[in-house]
Amino acid sequence: MRGGKREGAGRPSGAKNIATAELKRSLSELAREYTDDALSALFEVARHGRSERARVAAAIAILDRDYGKPYAFIEGQHAKDLPPIVIERPVS
């Protein structure tokens, strides 16, 4: 038999999921213990990363954590209310 549901596959109905709320909570607490180290690493990469791509990614990660991720604007709804963004690069 190929494809489809196999008999006996998966978690039995009524069985508790191993990833309980208590386990998730303890993982969150553990992650919070390393917040300072993680932010320090992001700052280090943003300042001294080997590539421009790494520095930009670190800077975006820092800004997302501080200000939140930017909203996605749908053409015609909010975009007309925003000022244009002008990026000037030096000519090399």
PDB file of N, CA and C in Angstrom:
ATOM      1  N   MET A   1       0.854  -1.175   0.000  1.00  0.00           N
ATOM      2  CA  MET A   1       0.000   0.000   0.000  1.00  0.00           C
ATOM      3  C   MET A   1       0.901   1.240   0.000  1.00  0.00           C
ATOM      4  N   ARG A   2       0.662   2.161  -0.913  1.00  0.00           N
ATOM      5  CA  ARG A   2       1.462   3.382  -1.005  1.00  0.00           C
ATOM      6  C   ARG A   2       0.576   4.591  -0.786  1.00  0.00           C
ATOM      7  N   GLY A   3       1.142   5.599  -0.084  1.00  0.00           N
ATOM      8  CA  GLY A   3       0.430   6.849   0.133  1.00  0.00           C
ATOM      9  C   GLY A   3      -0.735   6.685   1.084  1.00  0.00           C
ATOM     10  N   GLY A   4      -1.283   7.788   1.493  1.00  0.00           N
ATOM     11  CA  GLY A   4      -2.441   7.742   2.374  1.00  0.00           C
ATOM     12  C   GLY A   4      -2.063   7.396   3.806  1.00  0.00           C
ATOM     13  N   LYS A   5      -3.069   7.278   4.642  1.00  0.00           N
ATOM     14  CA  LYS A   5      -2.860   6.997   6.055  1.00  0.00           C
ATOM     15  C   LYS A   5      -2.599   5.506   6.256  1.00  0.00           C
ATOM     16  N   ARG A   6      -1.566   5.214   7.020  1.00  0.00           N
ATOM     17  CA  ARG A   6      -1.273   3.821   7.340  1.00  0.00           C
ATOM     18  C   ARG A   6      -1.904   3.482   8.679  1.00  0.00           C
ATOM     19  N   GLU A   7      -2.360   2.283   8.819  1.00  0.00           N
ATOM     20  CA  GLU A   7      -2.939   1.842  10.088  1.00  0.00           C
ATOM     21  C   GLU A   7      -1.875   1.870  11.166  1.00  0.00           C
ATOM     22  N   GLY A   8      -2.227   2.414  12.319  1.00  0.00           N
ATOM     23  CA  GLY A   8      -1.319   2.440  13.455  1.00  0.00           C
ATOM     24  C   GLY A   8      -0.286   3.548  13.418  1.00  0.00           C
ATOM     25  N   ALA A   9      -0.289   4.370  12.367  1.00  0.00           N
ATOM     26  CA  ALA A   9       0.702   5.443  12.272  1.00  0.00           C
ATOM     27  C   ALA A   9       0.265   6.635  13.110  1.00  0.00           C
ATOM     28  N   GLY A  10       1.231   7.363  13.635  1.00  0.00           N
ATOM     29  CA  GLY A  10       0.946   8.583  14.370  1.00  0.00           C
ATOM     30  C   GLY A  10       0.709   8.352  15.845  1.00  0.00           C
ATOM     31  N   ARG A  11       0.424   9.431  16.545  1.00  0.00           N
ATOM     32  CA  ARG A  11       0.179   9.375  17.982  1.00  0.00           C
ATOM     33  C   ARG A  11      -1.224   8.843  18.219  1.00  0.00           C
ATOM     34  N   PRO A  12      -1.384   7.902  19.134  1.00  0.00           N
ATOM     35  CA  PRO A  12      -2.725   7.375  19.402  1.00  0.00           C
ATOM     36  C   PRO A  12      -3.656   8.469  19.909  1.00  0.00           C
ATOM     37  N   SER A  13      -4.918   8.398  19.546  1.00  0.00           N
ATOM     38  CA  SER A  13      -5.867   9.413  19.998  1.00  0.00           C
ATOM     39  C   SER A  13      -5.978   9.372  21.513  1.00  0.00           C
ATOM     40  N   GLY A  14      -6.002  10.560  22.111  1.00  0.00           N
ATOM     41  CA  GLY A  14      -6.081  10.661  23.562  1.00  0.00           C
ATOM     42  C   GLY A  14      -4.727  10.721  24.241  1.00  0.00           C
ATOM     43  N   ALA A  15      -3.660  10.395  23.528  1.00  0.00           N
ATOM     44  CA  ALA A  15      -2.317  10.453  24.117  1.00  0.00           C
ATOM     45  C   ALA A  15      -1.875  11.906  24.198  1.00  0.00           C
ATOM     46  N   LYS A  16      -1.241  12.262  25.308  1.00  0.00           N
ATOM     47  CA  LYS A  16      -0.796  13.643  25.490  1.00  0.00           C
ATOM     48  C   LYS A  16       0.414  13.930  24.618  1.00  0.00           C
ATOM     49  N   ASN A  17       0.474  15.168  24.143  1.00  0.00           N
ATOM     50  CA  ASN A  17       1.622  15.626  23.371  1.00  0.00           C
ATOM     51  C   ASN A  17       2.792  15.821  24.329  1.00  0.00           C
ATOM     52  N   ILE A  18       3.976  15.403  23.931  1.00  0.00           N
ATOM     53  CA  ILE A  18       5.147  15.509  24.795  1.00  0.00           C
ATOM     54  C   ILE A  18       5.503  16.970  25.052  1.00  0.00           C
ATOM     55  N   ALA A  19       5.321  17.830  24.068  1.00  0.00           N
ATOM     56  CA  ALA A  19       5.664  19.254  24.205  1.00  0.00           C
ATOM     57  C   ALA A  19       4.555  19.959  24.973  1.00  0.00           C
ATOM     58  N   THR A  20       4.527  19.755  26.271  1.00  0.00           N
ATOM     59  CA  THR A  20       3.497  20.356  27.108  1.00  0.00           C
ATOM     60  C   THR A  20       3.795  21.828  27.344  1.00  0.00           C
ATOM     61  N   ALA A  21       2.817  22.522  27.910  1.00  0.00           N
ATOM     62  CA  ALA A  21       2.996  23.945  28.201  1.00  0.00           C
ATOM     63  C   ALA A  21       4.134  24.151  29.191  1.00  0.00           C
ATOM     64  N   GLU A  22       4.300  23.232  30.128  1.00  0.00           N
ATOM     65  CA  GLU A  22       5.371  23.363  31.116  1.00  0.00           C
ATOM     66  C   GLU A  22       6.744  23.279  30.450  1.00  0.00           C
ATOM     67  N   LEU A  23       6.903  22.354  29.512  1.00  0.00           N
ATOM     68  CA  LEU A  23       8.168  22.210  28.796  1.00  0.00           C
ATOM     69  C   LEU A  23       8.447  23.453  27.957  1.00  0.00           C
ATOM     70  N   LYS A  24       7.422  23.960  27.275  1.00  0.00           N
ATOM     71  CA  LYS A  24       7.594  25.166  26.463  1.00  0.00           C
ATOM     72  C   LYS A  24       7.982  26.348  27.338  1.00  0.00           C
ATOM     73  N   ARG A  25       7.361  26.453  28.505  1.00  0.00           N
ATOM     74  CA  ARG A  25       7.661  27.547  29.414  1.00  0.00           C
ATOM     75  C   ARG A  25       9.114  27.459  29.882  1.00  0.00           C
ATOM     76  N   SER A  26       9.584  26.251  30.213  1.00  0.00           N
ATOM     77  CA  SER A  26      10.962  26.119  30.684  1.00  0.00           C
ATOM     78  C   SER A  26      11.957  26.454  29.573  1.00  0.00           C
ATOM     79  N   LEU A  27      11.627  26.127  28.314  1.00  0.00           N
ATOM     80  CA  LEU A  27      12.500  26.489  27.203  1.00  0.00           C
ATOM     81  C   LEU A  27      12.557  28.000  27.024  1.00  0.00           C
ATOM     82  N   SER A  28      11.417  28.671  27.207  1.00  0.00           N
ATOM     83  CA  SER A  28      11.397  30.135  27.097  1.00  0.00           C
ATOM     84  C   SER A  28      12.252  30.766  28.177  1.00  0.00           C
ATOM     85  N   GLU A  29      12.152  30.241  29.387  1.00  0.00           N
ATOM     86  CA  GLU A  29      12.955  30.772  30.485  1.00  0.00           C
ATOM     87  C   GLU A  29      14.445  30.553  30.222  1.00  0.00           C
ATOM     88  N   LEU A  30      14.782  29.393  29.686  1.00  0.00           N
ATOM     89  CA  LEU A  30      16.176  29.099  29.359  1.00  0.00           C
ATOM     90  C   LEU A  30      16.688  30.052  28.277  1.00  0.00           C
ATOM     91  N   ALA A  31      15.864  30.309  27.270  1.00  0.00           N
ATOM     92  CA  ALA A  31      16.265  31.220  26.194  1.00  0.00           C
ATOM     93  C   ALA A  31      16.477  32.628  26.731  1.00  0.00           C
ATOM     94  N   ARG A  32      15.652  33.052  27.685  1.00  0.00           N
ATOM     95  CA  ARG A  32      15.801  34.401  28.243  1.00  0.00           C
ATOM     96  C   ARG A  32      17.126  34.571  28.977  1.00  0.00           C
ATOM     97  N   GLU A  33      17.660  33.477  29.511  1.00  0.00           N
ATOM     98  CA  GLU A  33      18.940  33.557  30.210  1.00  0.00           C
ATOM     99  C   GLU A  33      20.071  33.958  29.265  1.00  0.00           C
ATOM    100  N   TYR A  34      19.925  33.667  27.979  1.00  0.00           N
ATOM    101  CA  TYR A  34      20.973  33.935  27.005  1.00  0.00           C
ATOM    102  C   TYR A  34      20.686  35.154  26.134  1.00  0.00           C
ATOM    103  N   THR A  35      19.704  35.949  26.495  1.00  0.00           N
ATOM    104  CA  THR A  35      19.338  37.113  25.700  1.00  0.00           C
ATOM    105  C   THR A  35      20.495  38.096  25.570  1.00  0.00           C
ATOM    106  N   ASP A  36      21.149  38.397  26.684  1.00  0.00           N
ATOM    107  CA  ASP A  36      22.258  39.364  26.640  1.00  0.00           C
ATOM    108  C   ASP A  36      23.386  38.880  25.737  1.00  0.00           C
ATOM    109  N   ASP A  37      23.715  37.589  25.840  1.00  0.00           N
ATOM    110  CA  ASP A  37      24.777  37.032  24.992  1.00  0.00           C
ATOM    111  C   ASP A  37      24.387  37.084  23.518  1.00  0.00           C
ATOM    112  N   ALA A  38      23.126  36.764  23.226  1.00  0.00           N
ATOM    113  CA  ALA A  38      22.663  36.766  21.838  1.00  0.00           C
ATOM    114  C   ALA A  38      22.691  38.179  21.262  1.00  0.00           C
ATOM    115  N   LEU A  39      22.233  39.159  22.038  1.00  0.00           N
ATOM    116  CA  LEU A  39      22.262  40.542  21.556  1.00  0.00           C
ATOM    117  C   LEU A  39      23.696  41.039  21.379  1.00  0.00           C
ATOM    118  N   SER A  40      24.570  40.652  22.284  1.00  0.00           N
ATOM    119  CA  SER A  40      25.975  41.045  22.150  1.00  0.00           C
ATOM    120  C   SER A  40      26.574  40.480  20.864  1.00  0.00           C
ATOM    121  N   ALA A  41      26.226  39.242  20.560  1.00  0.00           N
ATOM    122  CA  ALA A  41      26.715  38.628  19.323  1.00  0.00           C
ATOM    123  C   ALA A  41      26.171  39.369  18.102  1.00  0.00           C
ATOM    124  N   LEU A  42      24.886  39.743  18.146  1.00  0.00           N
ATOM    125  CA  LEU A  42      24.300  40.494  17.027  1.00  0.00           C
ATOM    126  C   LEU A  42      24.988  41.844  16.859  1.00  0.00           C
ATOM    127  N   PHE A  43      25.251  42.551  17.977  1.00  0.00           N
ATOM    128  CA  PHE A  43      25.934  43.839  17.893  1.00  0.00           C
ATOM    129  C   PHE A  43      27.334  43.679  17.307  1.00  0.00           C
ATOM    130  N   GLU A  44      28.029  42.630  17.716  1.00  0.00           N
ATOM    131  CA  GLU A  44      29.376  42.377  17.213  1.00  0.00           C
ATOM    132  C   GLU A  44      29.355  42.144  15.704  1.00  0.00           C
ATOM    133  N   VAL A  45      28.406  41.339  15.233  1.00  0.00           N
ATOM    134  CA  VAL A  45      28.313  41.068  13.797  1.00  0.00           C
ATOM    135  C   VAL A  45      27.897  42.329  13.051  1.00  0.00           C
ATOM    136  N   ALA A  46      26.981  43.101  13.610  1.00  0.00           N
ATOM    137  CA  ALA A  46      26.538  44.336  12.951  1.00  0.00           C
ATOM    138  C   ALA A  46      27.693  45.317  12.790  1.00  0.00           C
ATOM    139  N   ARG A  47      28.591  45.352  13.749  1.00  0.00           N
ATOM    140  CA  ARG A  47      29.722  46.281  13.683  1.00  0.00           C
ATOM    141  C   ARG A  47      30.903  45.739  12.880  1.00  0.00           C
ATOM    142  N   HIS A  48      31.201  44.457  13.075  1.00  0.00           N
ATOM    143  CA  HIS A  48      32.453  43.926  12.538  1.00  0.00           C
ATOM    144  C   HIS A  48      32.256  42.664  11.703  1.00  0.00           C
ATOM    145  N   GLY A  49      31.078  42.447  11.156  1.00  0.00           N
ATOM    146  CA  GLY A  49      30.828  41.245  10.363  1.00  0.00           C
ATOM    147  C   GLY A  49      31.716  41.194   9.134  1.00  0.00           C
ATOM    148  N   ARG A  50      31.989  39.993   8.668  1.00  0.00           N
ATOM    149  CA  ARG A  50      32.886  39.820   7.531  1.00  0.00           C
ATOM    150  C   ARG A  50      32.293  40.337   6.224  1.00  0.00           C
ATOM    151  N   SER A  51      30.963  40.229   6.093  1.00  0.00           N
ATOM    152  CA  SER A  51      30.352  40.667   4.838  1.00  0.00           C
ATOM    153  C   SER A  51      29.260  41.701   5.118  1.00  0.00           C
ATOM    154  N   GLU A  52      28.956  42.457   4.087  1.00  0.00           N
ATOM    155  CA  GLU A  52      27.882  43.447   4.214  1.00  0.00           C
ATOM    156  C   GLU A  52      26.558  42.753   4.492  1.00  0.00           C
ATOM    157  N   ARG A  53      26.345  41.598   3.866  1.00  0.00           N
ATOM    158  CA  ARG A  53      25.106  40.841   4.064  1.00  0.00           C
ATOM    159  C   ARG A  53      24.937  40.451   5.532  1.00  0.00           C
ATOM    160  N   ALA A  54      26.007  40.006   6.182  1.00  0.00           N
ATOM    161  CA  ALA A  54      25.950  39.616   7.595  1.00  0.00           C
ATOM    162  C   ALA A  54      25.673  40.826   8.472  1.00  0.00           C
ATOM    163  N   ARG A  55      26.317  41.954   8.172  1.00  0.00           N
ATOM    164  CA  ARG A  55      26.108  43.163   8.970  1.00  0.00           C
ATOM    165  C   ARG A  55      24.678  43.671   8.852  1.00  0.00           C
ATOM    166  N   VAL A  56      24.137  43.646   7.632  1.00  0.00           N
ATOM    167  CA  VAL A  56      22.754  44.104   7.420  1.00  0.00           C
ATOM    168  C   VAL A  56      21.774  43.171   8.115  1.00  0.00           C
ATOM    169  N   ALA A  57      21.984  41.862   8.000  1.00  0.00           N
ATOM    170  CA  ALA A  57      21.084  40.897   8.645  1.00  0.00           C
ATOM    171  C   ALA A  57      21.091  41.082  10.158  1.00  0.00           C
ATOM    172  N   ALA A  58      22.258  41.305  10.744  1.00  0.00           N
ATOM    173  CA  ALA A  58      22.346  41.529  12.187  1.00  0.00           C
ATOM    174  C   ALA A  58      21.648  42.827  12.581  1.00  0.00           C
ATOM    175  N   ALA A  59      21.852  43.878  11.795  1.00  0.00           N
ATOM    176  CA  ALA A  59      21.207  45.161  12.087  1.00  0.00           C
ATOM    177  C   ALA A  59      19.685  45.033  12.018  1.00  0.00           C
ATOM    178  N   ILE A  60      19.187  44.320  11.022  1.00  0.00           N
ATOM    179  CA  ILE A  60      17.742  44.116  10.894  1.00  0.00           C
ATOM    180  C   ILE A  60      17.214  43.320  12.084  1.00  0.00           C
ATOM    181  N   ALA A  61      17.944  42.293  12.504  1.00  0.00           N
ATOM    182  CA  ALA A  61      17.518  41.496  13.653  1.00  0.00           C
ATOM    183  C   ALA A  61      17.437  42.352  14.916  1.00  0.00           C
ATOM    184  N   ILE A  62      18.413  43.241  15.093  1.00  0.00           N
ATOM    185  CA  ILE A  62      18.408  44.127  16.266  1.00  0.00           C
ATOM    186  C   ILE A  62      17.209  45.066  16.209  1.00  0.00           C
ATOM    187  N   LEU A  63      16.991  45.682  15.049  1.00  0.00           N
ATOM    188  CA  LEU A  63      15.862  46.611  14.911  1.00  0.00           C
ATOM    189  C   LEU A  63      14.522  45.903  15.088  1.00  0.00           C
ATOM    190  N   ASP A  64      14.394  44.695  14.555  1.00  0.00           N
ATOM    191  CA  ASP A  64      13.148  43.941  14.703  1.00  0.00           C
ATOM    192  C   ASP A  64      12.853  43.647  16.169  1.00  0.00           C
ATOM    193  N   ARG A  65      13.876  43.383  16.953  1.00  0.00           N
ATOM    194  CA  ARG A  65      13.665  43.096  18.365  1.00  0.00           C
ATOM    195  C   ARG A  65      13.324  44.353  19.150  1.00  0.00           C
ATOM    196  N   ASP A  66      13.811  45.491  18.700  1.00  0.00           N
ATOM    197  CA  ASP A  66      13.546  46.745  19.410  1.00  0.00           C
ATOM    198  C   ASP A  66      12.215  47.357  18.990  1.00  0.00           C
ATOM    199  N   TYR A  67      11.988  47.485  17.699  1.00  0.00           N
ATOM    200  CA  TYR A  67      10.807  48.171  17.198  1.00  0.00           C
ATOM    201  C   TYR A  67       9.727  47.230  16.691  1.00  0.00           C
ATOM    202  N   GLY A  68      10.033  45.957  16.517  1.00  0.00           N
ATOM    203  CA  GLY A  68       9.092  45.016  15.923  1.00  0.00           C
ATOM    204  C   GLY A  68       9.278  44.997  14.416  1.00  0.00           C
ATOM    205  N   LYS A  69       8.798  43.934  13.803  1.00  0.00           N
ATOM    206  CA  LYS A  69       8.938  43.817  12.356  1.00  0.00           C
ATOM    207  C   LYS A  69       8.009  44.813  11.677  1.00  0.00           C
ATOM    208  N   PRO A  70       8.429  45.372  10.549  1.00  0.00           N
ATOM    209  CA  PRO A  70       7.579  46.337   9.847  1.00  0.00           C
ATOM    210  C   PRO A  70       6.348  45.654   9.262  1.00  0.00           C
ATOM    211  N   TYR A  71       5.272  46.416   9.174  1.00  0.00           N
ATOM    212  CA  TYR A  71       4.040  45.905   8.586  1.00  0.00           C
ATOM    213  C   TYR A  71       4.198  45.778   7.081  1.00  0.00           C
ATOM    214  N   ALA A  72       3.516  44.820   6.510  1.00  0.00           N
ATOM    215  CA  ALA A  72       3.486  44.683   5.057  1.00  0.00           C
ATOM    216  C   ALA A  72       2.331  45.534   4.542  1.00  0.00           C
ATOM    217  N   PHE A  73       2.642  46.499   3.719  1.00  0.00           N
ATOM    218  CA  PHE A  73       1.612  47.370   3.180  1.00  0.00           C
ATOM    219  C   PHE A  73       1.117  46.817   1.849  1.00  0.00           C
ATOM    220  N   ILE A  74      -0.171  46.874   1.677  1.00  0.00           N
ATOM    221  CA  ILE A  74      -0.772  46.417   0.431  1.00  0.00           C
ATOM    222  C   ILE A  74      -0.892  47.612  -0.499  1.00  0.00           C
ATOM    223  N   GLU A  75      -0.479  47.435  -1.734  1.00  0.00           N
ATOM    224  CA  GLU A  75      -0.507  48.513  -2.720  1.00  0.00           C
ATOM    225  C   GLU A  75      -1.877  49.163  -2.760  1.00  0.00           C
ATOM    226  N   GLY A  76      -1.886  50.468  -2.653  1.00  0.00           N
ATOM    227  CA  GLY A  76      -3.141  51.207  -2.769  1.00  0.00           C
ATOM    228  C   GLY A  76      -3.824  51.486  -1.443  1.00  0.00           C
ATOM    229  N   GLN A  77      -3.496  50.758  -0.385  1.00  0.00           N
ATOM    230  CA  GLN A  77      -4.169  51.002   0.887  1.00  0.00           C
ATOM    231  C   GLN A  77      -3.401  52.004   1.740  1.00  0.00           C
ATOM    232  N   HIS A  78      -2.153  51.685   2.059  1.00  0.00           N
ATOM    233  CA  HIS A  78      -1.382  52.557   2.931  1.00  0.00           C
ATOM    234  C   HIS A  78      -0.168  53.154   2.231  1.00  0.00           C
ATOM    235  N   ALA A  79       0.225  52.570   1.141  1.00  0.00           N
ATOM    236  CA  ALA A  79       1.465  52.982   0.498  1.00  0.00           C
ATOM    237  C   ALA A  79       1.420  54.429   0.034  1.00  0.00           C
ATOM    238  N   LYS A  80       0.274  54.919  -0.367  1.00  0.00           N
ATOM    239  CA  LYS A  80       0.211  56.291  -0.877  1.00  0.00           C
ATOM    240  C   LYS A  80       0.414  57.324   0.224  1.00  0.00           C
ATOM    241  N   ASP A  81       0.220  56.928   1.490  1.00  0.00           N
ATOM    242  CA  ASP A  81       0.388  57.857   2.601  1.00  0.00           C
ATOM    243  C   ASP A  81       1.836  57.956   3.079  1.00  0.00           C
ATOM    244  N   LEU A  82       2.693  57.091   2.559  1.00  0.00           N
ATOM    245  CA  LEU A  82       4.075  57.068   3.011  1.00  0.00           C
ATOM    246  C   LEU A  82       4.959  57.924   2.118  1.00  0.00           C
ATOM    247  N   PRO A  83       5.953  58.582   2.727  1.00  0.00           N
ATOM    248  CA  PRO A  83       6.891  59.342   1.894  1.00  0.00           C
ATOM    249  C   PRO A  83       7.802  58.374   1.154  1.00  0.00           C
ATOM    250  N   PRO A  84       8.316  58.776  -0.003  1.00  0.00           N
ATOM    251  CA  PRO A  84       9.219  57.889  -0.734  1.00  0.00           C
ATOM    252  C   PRO A  84      10.536  57.727   0.020  1.00  0.00           C
ATOM    253  N   ILE A  85      11.155  56.590  -0.138  1.00  0.00           N
ATOM    254  CA  ILE A  85      12.460  56.323   0.475  1.00  0.00           C
ATOM    255  C   ILE A  85      13.517  56.487  -0.606  1.00  0.00           C
ATOM    256  N   VAL A  86      14.496  57.357  -0.331  1.00  0.00           N
ATOM    257  CA  VAL A  86      15.556  57.619  -1.296  1.00  0.00           C
ATOM    258  C   VAL A  86      16.851  57.100  -0.698  1.00  0.00           C
ATOM    259  N   ILE A  87      17.507  56.209  -1.420  1.00  0.00           N
ATOM    260  CA  ILE A  87      18.787  55.666  -0.982  1.00  0.00           C
ATOM    261  C   ILE A  87      19.849  56.150  -1.953  1.00  0.00           C
ATOM    262  N   GLU A  88      20.806  56.888  -1.432  1.00  0.00           N
ATOM    263  CA  GLU A  88      21.872  57.416  -2.268  1.00  0.00           C
ATOM    264  C   GLU A  88      23.151  56.666  -1.945  1.00  0.00           C
ATOM    265  N   ARG A  89      23.809  56.192  -2.985  1.00  0.00           N
ATOM    266  CA  ARG A  89      25.086  55.487  -2.819  1.00  0.00           C
ATOM    267  C   ARG A  89      26.157  56.298  -3.519  1.00  0.00           C
ATOM    268  N   PRO A  90      27.329  56.355  -2.924  1.00  0.00           N
ATOM    269  CA  PRO A  90      28.419  57.075  -3.587  1.00  0.00           C
ATOM    270  C   PRO A  90      28.815  56.369  -4.877  1.00  0.00           C
ATOM    271  N   VAL A  91      29.113  57.141  -5.883  1.00  0.00           N
ATOM    272  CA  VAL A  91      29.534  56.596  -7.171  1.00  0.00           C
ATOM    273  C   VAL A  91      30.997  56.205  -7.039  1.00  0.00           C
ATOM    274  N   SER A  92      31.294  54.969  -7.426  1.00  0.00           N
ATOM    275  CA  SER A  92      32.692  54.528  -7.299  1.00  0.00           C
ATOM    276  C   SER A  92      33.353  54.417  -8.633  1.00  0.00           C
TER     277      SER A  92
END
